[in-house]
Amino acid sequence: VKGRFTISRDNAKNTVYLQMNSLEREDTAVYYCGA
């Protein structure tokens, strides 16, 4: 996913994000966040 996905977080909102660009069929999955 390098170069296509970007992880970021907003600590003021207690939220982490995953921006996914140039998606491919192989990216099909259930996505989970962990802490």
PDB file of all heavy atoms in Angstrom:
ATOM      1  N   VAL A   1       0.811  -1.220   0.000  1.00  0.00           N
ATOM      2  CA  VAL A   1       0.000   0.000   0.000  1.00  0.00           C
ATOM      3  C   VAL A   1       0.843   1.268   0.000  1.00  0.00           C
ATOM      4  O   VAL A   1       0.305   2.373  -0.116  1.00  0.00           O
ATOM      5  CB  VAL A   1      -0.963   0.037   1.203  1.00  0.00           C
ATOM      6  CG1 VAL A   1      -1.815  -1.228   1.243  1.00  0.00           C
ATOM      7  CG2 VAL A   1      -0.229   0.255   2.518  1.00  0.00           C
ATOM      8  N   LYS A   2       2.146   1.107   0.105  1.00  0.00           N
ATOM      9  CA  LYS A   2       3.030   2.272   0.186  1.00  0.00           C
ATOM     10  C   LYS A   2       2.867   3.138  -1.060  1.00  0.00           C
ATOM     11  O   LYS A   2       2.855   2.642  -2.189  1.00  0.00           O
ATOM     12  CB  LYS A   2       4.479   1.792   0.324  1.00  0.00           C
ATOM     13  CG  LYS A   2       5.445   2.823   0.859  1.00  0.00           C
ATOM     14  CD  LYS A   2       6.793   2.176   1.148  1.00  0.00           C
ATOM     15  CE  LYS A   2       6.692   1.141   2.237  1.00  0.00           C
ATOM     16  NZ  LYS A   2       8.024   0.541   2.569  1.00  0.00           N
ATOM     17  N   GLY A   3       2.730   4.431  -0.836  1.00  0.00           N
ATOM     18  CA  GLY A   3       2.546   5.361  -1.939  1.00  0.00           C
ATOM     19  C   GLY A   3       1.100   5.558  -2.341  1.00  0.00           C
ATOM     20  O   GLY A   3       0.782   6.476  -3.096  1.00  0.00           O
ATOM     21  N   ARG A   4       0.220   4.696  -1.848  1.00  0.00           N
ATOM     22  CA  ARG A   4      -1.210   4.807  -2.190  1.00  0.00           C
ATOM     23  C   ARG A   4      -2.055   5.145  -0.959  1.00  0.00           C
ATOM     24  O   ARG A   4      -3.062   5.849  -1.078  1.00  0.00           O
ATOM     25  CB  ARG A   4      -1.716   3.498  -2.787  1.00  0.00           C
ATOM     26  CG  ARG A   4      -1.013   3.088  -4.058  1.00  0.00           C
ATOM     27  CD  ARG A   4      -1.707   1.871  -4.710  1.00  0.00           C
ATOM     28  NE  ARG A   4      -1.669   0.683  -3.858  1.00  0.00           N
ATOM     29  CZ  ARG A   4      -2.764   0.032  -3.447  1.00  0.00           C
ATOM     30  NH1 ARG A   4      -3.963   0.453  -3.792  1.00  0.00           N
ATOM     31  NH2 ARG A   4      -2.645  -1.051  -2.680  1.00  0.00           N
ATOM     32  N   PHE A   5      -1.670   4.631   0.200  1.00  0.00           N
ATOM     33  CA  PHE A   5      -2.427   4.840   1.432  1.00  0.00           C
ATOM     34  C   PHE A   5      -1.669   5.787   2.349  1.00  0.00           C
ATOM     35  O   PHE A   5      -0.430   5.802   2.365  1.00  0.00           O
ATOM     36  CB  PHE A   5      -2.634   3.520   2.165  1.00  0.00           C
ATOM     37  CG  PHE A   5      -3.569   2.553   1.509  1.00  0.00           C
ATOM     38  CD1 PHE A   5      -4.034   2.732   0.209  1.00  0.00           C
ATOM     39  CD2 PHE A   5      -4.012   1.429   2.200  1.00  0.00           C
ATOM     40  CE1 PHE A   5      -4.887   1.827  -0.394  1.00  0.00           C
ATOM     41  CE2 PHE A   5      -4.868   0.520   1.622  1.00  0.00           C
ATOM     42  CZ  PHE A   5      -5.301   0.715   0.324  1.00  0.00           C
ATOM     43  N   THR A   6      -2.420   6.548   3.133  1.00  0.00           N
ATOM     44  CA  THR A   6      -1.820   7.442   4.124  1.00  0.00           C
ATOM     45  C   THR A   6      -2.559   7.307   5.443  1.00  0.00           C
ATOM     46  O   THR A   6      -3.789   7.462   5.485  1.00  0.00           O
ATOM     47  CB  THR A   6      -1.874   8.899   3.658  1.00  0.00           C
ATOM     48  OG1 THR A   6      -1.197   9.033   2.405  1.00  0.00           O
ATOM     49  CG2 THR A   6      -1.205   9.814   4.677  1.00  0.00           C
ATOM     50  N   ILE A   7      -1.823   7.031   6.497  1.00  0.00           N
ATOM     51  CA  ILE A   7      -2.401   6.969   7.834  1.00  0.00           C
ATOM     52  C   ILE A   7      -2.124   8.292   8.533  1.00  0.00           C
ATOM     53  O   ILE A   7      -1.034   8.874   8.393  1.00  0.00           O
ATOM     54  CB  ILE A   7      -1.840   5.782   8.642  1.00  0.00           C
ATOM     55  CG1 ILE A   7      -2.584   5.610   9.957  1.00  0.00           C
ATOM     56  CG2 ILE A   7      -0.335   5.925   8.866  1.00  0.00           C
ATOM     57  CD1 ILE A   7      -2.229   4.319  10.707  1.00  0.00           C
ATOM     58  N   SER A   8      -3.113   8.769   9.270  1.00  0.00           N
ATOM     59  CA  SER A   8      -2.948   9.997  10.037  1.00  0.00           C
ATOM     60  C   SER A   8      -3.831   9.920  11.260  1.00  0.00           C
ATOM     61  O   SER A   8      -4.658   9.025  11.383  1.00  0.00           O
ATOM     62  CB  SER A   8      -3.311  11.220   9.180  1.00  0.00           C
ATOM     63  OG  SER A   8      -4.672  11.167   8.780  1.00  0.00           O
ATOM     64  N   ARG A   9      -3.645  10.854  12.158  1.00  0.00           N
ATOM     65  CA  ARG A   9      -4.477  10.879  13.357  1.00  0.00           C
ATOM     66  C   ARG A   9      -4.726  12.308  13.785  1.00  0.00           C
ATOM     67  O   ARG A   9      -3.891  13.207  13.569  1.00  0.00           O
ATOM     68  CB  ARG A   9      -3.821  10.088  14.479  1.00  0.00           C
ATOM     69  CG  ARG A   9      -2.496  10.624  14.978  1.00  0.00           C
ATOM     70  CD  ARG A   9      -1.820   9.615  15.930  1.00  0.00           C
ATOM     71  NE  ARG A   9      -2.573   9.453  17.176  1.00  0.00           N
ATOM     72  CZ  ARG A   9      -2.466   8.376  17.965  1.00  0.00           C
ATOM     73  NH1 ARG A   9      -1.643   7.385  17.636  1.00  0.00           N
ATOM     74  NH2 ARG A   9      -3.173   8.308  19.091  1.00  0.00           N
ATOM     75  N   ASP A  10      -5.882  12.505  14.396  1.00  0.00           N
ATOM     76  CA  ASP A  10      -6.243  13.785  14.981  1.00  0.00           C
ATOM     77  C   ASP A  10      -6.454  13.528  16.466  1.00  0.00           C
ATOM     78  O   ASP A  10      -7.507  13.019  16.866  1.00  0.00           O
ATOM     79  CB  ASP A  10      -7.515  14.331  14.320  1.00  0.00           C
ATOM     80  CG  ASP A  10      -7.872  15.717  14.805  1.00  0.00           C
ATOM     81  OD1 ASP A  10      -7.433  16.109  15.906  1.00  0.00           O
ATOM     82  OD2 ASP A  10      -8.605  16.414  14.093  1.00  0.00           O
ATOM     83  N   ASN A  11      -5.468  13.851  17.246  1.00  0.00           N
ATOM     84  CA  ASN A  11      -5.531  13.523  18.673  1.00  0.00           C
ATOM     85  C   ASN A  11      -6.577  14.351  19.413  1.00  0.00           C
ATOM     86  O   ASN A  11      -7.047  13.945  20.471  1.00  0.00           O
ATOM     87  CB  ASN A  11      -4.162  13.688  19.312  1.00  0.00           C
ATOM     88  CG  ASN A  11      -3.216  12.562  18.926  1.00  0.00           C
ATOM     89  OD1 ASN A  11      -3.649  11.484  18.505  1.00  0.00           O
ATOM     90  ND2 ASN A  11      -1.920  12.790  19.045  1.00  0.00           N
ATOM     91  N   ALA A  12      -6.949  15.473  18.854  1.00  0.00           N
ATOM     92  CA  ALA A  12      -8.003  16.272  19.470  1.00  0.00           C
ATOM     93  C   ALA A  12      -9.378  15.632  19.274  1.00  0.00           C
ATOM     94  O   ALA A  12     -10.300  15.885  20.054  1.00  0.00           O
ATOM     95  CB  ALA A  12      -8.009  17.677  18.878  1.00  0.00           C
ATOM     96  N   LYS A  13      -9.489  14.804  18.236  1.00  0.00           N
ATOM     97  CA  LYS A  13     -10.766  14.139  17.939  1.00  0.00           C
ATOM     98  C   LYS A  13     -10.744  12.655  18.282  1.00  0.00           C
ATOM     99  O   LYS A  13     -11.712  11.935  17.999  1.00  0.00           O
ATOM    100  CB  LYS A  13     -11.116  14.312  16.465  1.00  0.00           C
ATOM    101  CG  LYS A  13     -11.369  15.756  16.052  1.00  0.00           C
ATOM    102  CD  LYS A  13     -11.784  15.850  14.598  1.00  0.00           C
ATOM    103  CE  LYS A  13     -12.088  17.292  14.220  1.00  0.00           C
ATOM    104  NZ  LYS A  13     -12.494  17.404  12.791  1.00  0.00           N
ATOM    105  N   ASN A  14      -9.646  12.182  18.849  1.00  0.00           N
ATOM    106  CA  ASN A  14      -9.523  10.750  19.185  1.00  0.00           C
ATOM    107  C   ASN A  14      -9.799   9.861  17.975  1.00  0.00           C
ATOM    108  O   ASN A  14     -10.475   8.827  18.085  1.00  0.00           O
ATOM    109  CB  ASN A  14     -10.480  10.360  20.326  1.00  0.00           C
ATOM    110  CG  ASN A  14     -10.001  10.833  21.675  1.00  0.00           C
ATOM    111  OD1 ASN A  14      -9.119  11.687  21.763  1.00  0.00           O
ATOM    112  ND2 ASN A  14     -10.583  10.304  22.737  1.00  0.00           N
ATOM    113  N   THR A  15      -9.275  10.253  16.848  1.00  0.00           N
ATOM    114  CA  THR A  15      -9.589   9.553  15.597  1.00  0.00           C
ATOM    115  C   THR A  15      -8.320   9.309  14.784  1.00  0.00           C
ATOM    116  O   THR A  15      -7.461  10.195  14.698  1.00  0.00           O
ATOM    117  CB  THR A  15     -10.596  10.358  14.764  1.00  0.00           C
ATOM    118  OG1 THR A  15     -11.782  10.562  15.540  1.00  0.00           O
ATOM    119  CG2 THR A  15     -10.955   9.629  13.481  1.00  0.00           C
ATOM    120  N   VAL A  16      -8.253   8.130  14.201  1.00  0.00           N
ATOM    121  CA  VAL A  16      -7.201   7.808  13.245  1.00  0.00           C
ATOM    122  C   VAL A  16      -7.847   7.562  11.888  1.00  0.00           C
ATOM    123  O   VAL A  16      -8.975   7.061  11.811  1.00  0.00           O
ATOM    124  CB  VAL A  16      -6.378   6.586  13.712  1.00  0.00           C
ATOM    125  CG1 VAL A  16      -7.234   5.336  13.812  1.00  0.00           C
ATOM    126  CG2 VAL A  16      -5.175   6.349  12.809  1.00  0.00           C
ATOM    127  N   TYR A  17      -7.154   7.952  10.840  1.00  0.00           N
ATOM    128  CA  TYR A  17      -7.690   7.867   9.485  1.00  0.00           C
ATOM    129  C   TYR A  17      -6.795   7.006   8.605  1.00  0.00           C
ATOM    130  O   TYR A  17      -5.606   6.847   8.853  1.00  0.00           O
ATOM    131  CB  TYR A  17      -7.777   9.266   8.866  1.00  0.00           C
ATOM    132  CG  TYR A  17      -8.588  10.240   9.666  1.00  0.00           C
ATOM    133  CD1 TYR A  17      -7.959  11.146  10.516  1.00  0.00           C
ATOM    134  CD2 TYR A  17      -9.971  10.267   9.568  1.00  0.00           C
ATOM    135  CE1 TYR A  17      -8.695  12.052  11.267  1.00  0.00           C
ATOM    136  CE2 TYR A  17     -10.716  11.172  10.313  1.00  0.00           C
ATOM    137  CZ  TYR A  17     -10.074  12.057  11.156  1.00  0.00           C
ATOM    138  OH  TYR A  17     -10.815  12.948  11.889  1.00  0.00           O
ATOM    139  N   LEU A  18      -7.398   6.480   7.558  1.00  0.00           N
ATOM    140  CA  LEU A  18      -6.643   5.799   6.519  1.00  0.00           C
ATOM    141  C   LEU A  18      -7.181   6.304   5.184  1.00  0.00           C
ATOM    142  O   LEU A  18      -8.291   5.950   4.786  1.00  0.00           O
ATOM    143  CB  LEU A  18      -6.776   4.280   6.611  1.00  0.00           C
ATOM    144  CG  LEU A  18      -5.908   3.508   5.624  1.00  0.00           C
ATOM    145  CD1 LEU A  18      -4.425   3.668   5.982  1.00  0.00           C
ATOM    146  CD2 LEU A  18      -6.280   2.026   5.608  1.00  0.00           C
ATOM    147  N   GLN A  19      -6.419   7.158   4.538  1.00  0.00           N
ATOM    148  CA  GLN A  19      -6.767   7.639   3.211  1.00  0.00           C
ATOM    149  C   GLN A  19      -6.240   6.633   2.198  1.00  0.00           C
ATOM    150  O   GLN A  19      -5.039   6.361   2.151  1.00  0.00           O
ATOM    151  CB  GLN A  19      -6.141   9.008   2.956  1.00  0.00           C
ATOM    152  CG  GLN A  19      -6.407   9.565   1.572  1.00  0.00           C
ATOM    153  CD  GLN A  19      -7.869   9.879   1.341  1.00  0.00           C
ATOM    154  OE1 GLN A  19      -8.531  10.461   2.191  1.00  0.00           O
ATOM    155  NE2 GLN A  19      -8.387   9.481   0.179  1.00  0.00           N
ATOM    156  N   MET A  20      -7.143   6.109   1.387  1.00  0.00           N
ATOM    157  CA  MET A  20      -6.787   5.081   0.421  1.00  0.00           C
ATOM    158  C   MET A  20      -7.043   5.597  -0.979  1.00  0.00           C
ATOM    159  O   MET A  20      -8.186   5.894  -1.336  1.00  0.00           O
ATOM    160  CB  MET A  20      -7.594   3.804   0.678  1.00  0.00           C
ATOM    161  CG  MET A  20      -7.501   3.295   2.101  1.00  0.00           C
ATOM    162  SD  MET A  20      -8.316   1.711   2.344  1.00  0.00           S
ATOM    163  CE  MET A  20     -10.002   2.167   2.054  1.00  0.00           C
ATOM    164  N   ASN A  21      -5.994   5.728  -1.744  1.00  0.00           N
ATOM    165  CA  ASN A  21      -6.084   6.197  -3.126  1.00  0.00           C
ATOM    166  C   ASN A  21      -5.645   5.095  -4.090  1.00  0.00           C
ATOM    167  O   ASN A  21      -5.007   4.121  -3.695  1.00  0.00           O
ATOM    168  CB  ASN A  21      -5.201   7.430  -3.315  1.00  0.00           C
ATOM    169  CG  ASN A  21      -5.624   8.594  -2.458  1.00  0.00           C
ATOM    170  OD1 ASN A  21      -6.792   8.776  -2.137  1.00  0.00           O
ATOM    171  ND2 ASN A  21      -4.653   9.408  -2.064  1.00  0.00           N
ATOM    172  N   SER A  22      -5.988   5.269  -5.345  1.00  0.00           N
ATOM    173  CA  SER A  22      -5.605   4.304  -6.382  1.00  0.00           C
ATOM    174  C   SER A  22      -5.930   2.878  -5.952  1.00  0.00           C
ATOM    175  O   SER A  22      -5.113   1.954  -6.055  1.00  0.00           O
ATOM    176  CB  SER A  22      -4.109   4.423  -6.695  1.00  0.00           C
ATOM    177  OG  SER A  22      -3.782   5.729  -7.106  1.00  0.00           O
ATOM    178  N   LEU A  23      -7.150   2.693  -5.498  1.00  0.00           N
ATOM    179  CA  LEU A  23      -7.541   1.386  -4.970  1.00  0.00           C
ATOM    180  C   LEU A  23      -7.525   0.325  -6.056  1.00  0.00           C
ATOM    181  O   LEU A  23      -7.868   0.581  -7.225  1.00  0.00           O
ATOM    182  CB  LEU A  23      -8.912   1.482  -4.319  1.00  0.00           C
ATOM    183  CG  LEU A  23      -8.893   2.125  -2.922  1.00  0.00           C
ATOM    184  CD1 LEU A  23     -10.280   2.613  -2.532  1.00  0.00           C
ATOM    185  CD2 LEU A  23      -8.374   1.131  -1.899  1.00  0.00           C
ATOM    186  N   GLU A  24      -7.149  -0.871  -5.634  1.00  0.00           N
ATOM    187  CA  GLU A  24      -7.064  -2.020  -6.525  1.00  0.00           C
ATOM    188  C   GLU A  24      -7.992  -3.117  -5.992  1.00  0.00           C
ATOM    189  O   GLU A  24      -8.347  -3.134  -4.817  1.00  0.00           O
ATOM    190  CB  GLU A  24      -5.624  -2.530  -6.556  1.00  0.00           C
ATOM    191  CG  GLU A  24      -4.609  -1.477  -6.976  1.00  0.00           C
ATOM    192  CD  GLU A  24      -3.166  -1.906  -6.728  1.00  0.00           C
ATOM    193  OE1 GLU A  24      -2.960  -2.992  -6.117  1.00  0.00           O
ATOM    194  OE2 GLU A  24      -2.248  -1.165  -7.151  1.00  0.00           O
ATOM    195  N   ARG A  25      -8.340  -4.037  -6.882  1.00  0.00           N
ATOM    196  CA  ARG A  25      -9.222  -5.138  -6.468  1.00  0.00           C
ATOM    197  C   ARG A  25      -8.619  -5.897  -5.296  1.00  0.00           C
ATOM    198  O   ARG A  25      -9.336  -6.386  -4.419  1.00  0.00           O
ATOM    199  CB  ARG A  25      -9.481  -6.078  -7.630  1.00  0.00           C
ATOM    200  CG  ARG A  25     -10.423  -5.517  -8.673  1.00  0.00           C
ATOM    201  CD  ARG A  25     -10.828  -6.599  -9.652  1.00  0.00           C
ATOM    202  NE  ARG A  25     -11.586  -7.675  -9.017  1.00  0.00           N
ATOM    203  CZ  ARG A  25     -11.973  -8.774  -9.604  1.00  0.00           C
ATOM    204  NH1 ARG A  25     -11.657  -8.985 -10.869  1.00  0.00           N
ATOM    205  NH2 ARG A  25     -12.669  -9.686  -8.971  1.00  0.00           N
ATOM    206  N   GLU A  26      -7.306  -5.979  -5.276  1.00  0.00           N
ATOM    207  CA  GLU A  26      -6.620  -6.710  -4.208  1.00  0.00           C
ATOM    208  C   GLU A  26      -6.748  -6.029  -2.842  1.00  0.00           C
ATOM    209  O   GLU A  26      -6.401  -6.617  -1.819  1.00  0.00           O
ATOM    210  CB  GLU A  26      -5.139  -6.877  -4.552  1.00  0.00           C
ATOM    211  CG  GLU A  26      -4.856  -7.788  -5.748  1.00  0.00           C
ATOM    212  CD  GLU A  26      -5.243  -7.161  -7.082  1.00  0.00           C
ATOM    213  OE1 GLU A  26      -5.281  -5.915  -7.170  1.00  0.00           O
ATOM    214  OE2 GLU A  26      -5.499  -7.924  -8.039  1.00  0.00           O
ATOM    215  N   ASP A  27      -7.246  -4.808  -2.825  1.00  0.00           N
ATOM    216  CA  ASP A  27      -7.456  -4.106  -1.558  1.00  0.00           C
ATOM    217  C   ASP A  27      -8.783  -4.484  -0.909  1.00  0.00           C
ATOM    218  O   ASP A  27      -9.060  -4.063   0.226  1.00  0.00           O
ATOM    219  CB  ASP A  27      -7.416  -2.589  -1.770  1.00  0.00           C
ATOM    220  CG  ASP A  27      -6.061  -2.097  -2.249  1.00  0.00           C
ATOM    221  OD1 ASP A  27      -5.034  -2.567  -1.722  1.00  0.00           O
ATOM    222  OD2 ASP A  27      -6.033  -1.245  -3.159  1.00  0.00           O
ATOM    223  N   THR A  28      -9.591  -5.251  -1.605  1.00  0.00           N
ATOM    224  CA  THR A  28     -10.873  -5.684  -1.065  1.00  0.00           C
ATOM    225  C   THR A  28     -10.668  -6.513   0.197  1.00  0.00           C
ATOM    226  O   THR A  28      -9.947  -7.515   0.177  1.00  0.00           O
ATOM    227  CB  THR A  28     -11.651  -6.494  -2.107  1.00  0.00           C
ATOM    228  OG1 THR A  28     -11.984  -5.632  -3.209  1.00  0.00           O
ATOM    229  CG2 THR A  28     -12.928  -7.070  -1.508  1.00  0.00           C
ATOM    230  N   ALA A  29     -11.278  -6.081   1.290  1.00  0.00           N
ATOM    231  CA  ALA A  29     -11.107  -6.757   2.574  1.00  0.00           C
ATOM    232  C   ALA A  29     -11.957  -6.052   3.620  1.00  0.00           C
ATOM    233  O   ALA A  29     -12.497  -4.973   3.369  1.00  0.00           O
ATOM    234  CB  ALA A  29      -9.636  -6.722   3.017  1.00  0.00           C
ATOM    235  N   VAL A  30     -12.036  -6.667   4.788  1.00  0.00           N
ATOM    236  CA  VAL A  30     -12.547  -5.971   5.962  1.00  0.00           C
ATOM    237  C   VAL A  30     -11.358  -5.291   6.630  1.00  0.00           C
ATOM    238  O   VAL A  30     -10.332  -5.947   6.884  1.00  0.00           O
ATOM    239  CB  VAL A  30     -13.235  -6.933   6.937  1.00  0.00           C
ATOM    240  CG1 VAL A  30     -13.704  -6.178   8.179  1.00  0.00           C
ATOM    241  CG2 VAL A  30     -14.409  -7.634   6.266  1.00  0.00           C
ATOM    242  N   TYR A  31     -11.502  -4.021   6.883  1.00  0.00           N
ATOM    243  CA  TYR A  31     -10.421  -3.235   7.477  1.00  0.00           C
ATOM    244  C   TYR A  31     -10.714  -3.005   8.960  1.00  0.00           C
ATOM    245  O   TYR A  31     -11.823  -2.589   9.323  1.00  0.00           O
ATOM    246  CB  TYR A  31     -10.267  -1.902   6.750  1.00  0.00           C
ATOM    247  CG  TYR A  31      -9.575  -2.042   5.425  1.00  0.00           C
ATOM    248  CD1 TYR A  31     -10.202  -2.670   4.347  1.00  0.00           C
ATOM    249  CD2 TYR A  31      -8.275  -1.583   5.243  1.00  0.00           C
ATOM    250  CE1 TYR A  31      -9.550  -2.832   3.125  1.00  0.00           C
ATOM    251  CE2 TYR A  31      -7.620  -1.733   4.025  1.00  0.00           C
ATOM    252  CZ  TYR A  31      -8.260  -2.354   2.981  1.00  0.00           C
ATOM    253  OH  TYR A  31      -7.614  -2.511   1.774  1.00  0.00           O
ATOM    254  N   TYR A  32      -9.695  -3.270   9.771  1.00  0.00           N
ATOM    255  CA  TYR A  32      -9.808  -3.127  11.204  1.00  0.00           C
ATOM    256  C   TYR A  32      -8.784  -2.131  11.734  1.00  0.00           C
ATOM    257  O   TYR A  32      -7.639  -2.106  11.258  1.00  0.00           O
ATOM    258  CB  TYR A  32      -9.536  -4.466  11.900  1.00  0.00           C
ATOM    259  CG  TYR A  32     -10.461  -5.584  11.537  1.00  0.00           C
ATOM    260  CD1 TYR A  32     -10.179  -6.435  10.472  1.00  0.00           C
ATOM    261  CD2 TYR A  32     -11.631  -5.810  12.268  1.00  0.00           C
ATOM    262  CE1 TYR A  32     -11.027  -7.478  10.137  1.00  0.00           C
ATOM    263  CE2 TYR A  32     -12.480  -6.853  11.943  1.00  0.00           C
ATOM    264  CZ  TYR A  32     -12.176  -7.677  10.883  1.00  0.00           C
ATOM    265  OH  TYR A  32     -13.023  -8.710  10.556  1.00  0.00           O
ATOM    266  N   CYS A  33      -9.201  -1.348  12.703  1.00  0.00           N
ATOM    267  CA  CYS A  33      -8.195  -0.546  13.394  1.00  0.00           C
ATOM    268  C   CYS A  33      -7.909  -1.174  14.743  1.00  0.00           C
ATOM    269  O   CYS A  33      -8.777  -1.807  15.352  1.00  0.00           O
ATOM    270  CB  CYS A  33      -8.614   0.907  13.533  1.00  0.00           C
ATOM    271  SG  CYS A  33      -9.934   1.230  14.709  1.00  0.00           S
ATOM    272  N   GLY A  34      -6.675  -1.014  15.170  1.00  0.00           N
ATOM    273  CA  GLY A  34      -6.236  -1.552  16.435  1.00  0.00           C
ATOM    274  C   GLY A  34      -5.549  -0.468  17.247  1.00  0.00           C
ATOM    275  O   GLY A  34      -5.015   0.494  16.699  1.00  0.00           O
ATOM    276  N   ALA A  35      -5.577  -0.666  18.568  1.00  0.00           N
ATOM    277  CA  ALA A  35      -4.956   0.292  19.471  1.00  0.00           C
ATOM    278  C   ALA A  35      -3.992  -0.417  20.409  1.00  0.00           C
ATOM    279  O   ALA A  35      -4.315  -1.473  20.954  1.00  0.00           O
ATOM    280  CB  ALA A  35      -6.023   1.019  20.289  1.00  0.00           C
TER     281      ALA A  35
END
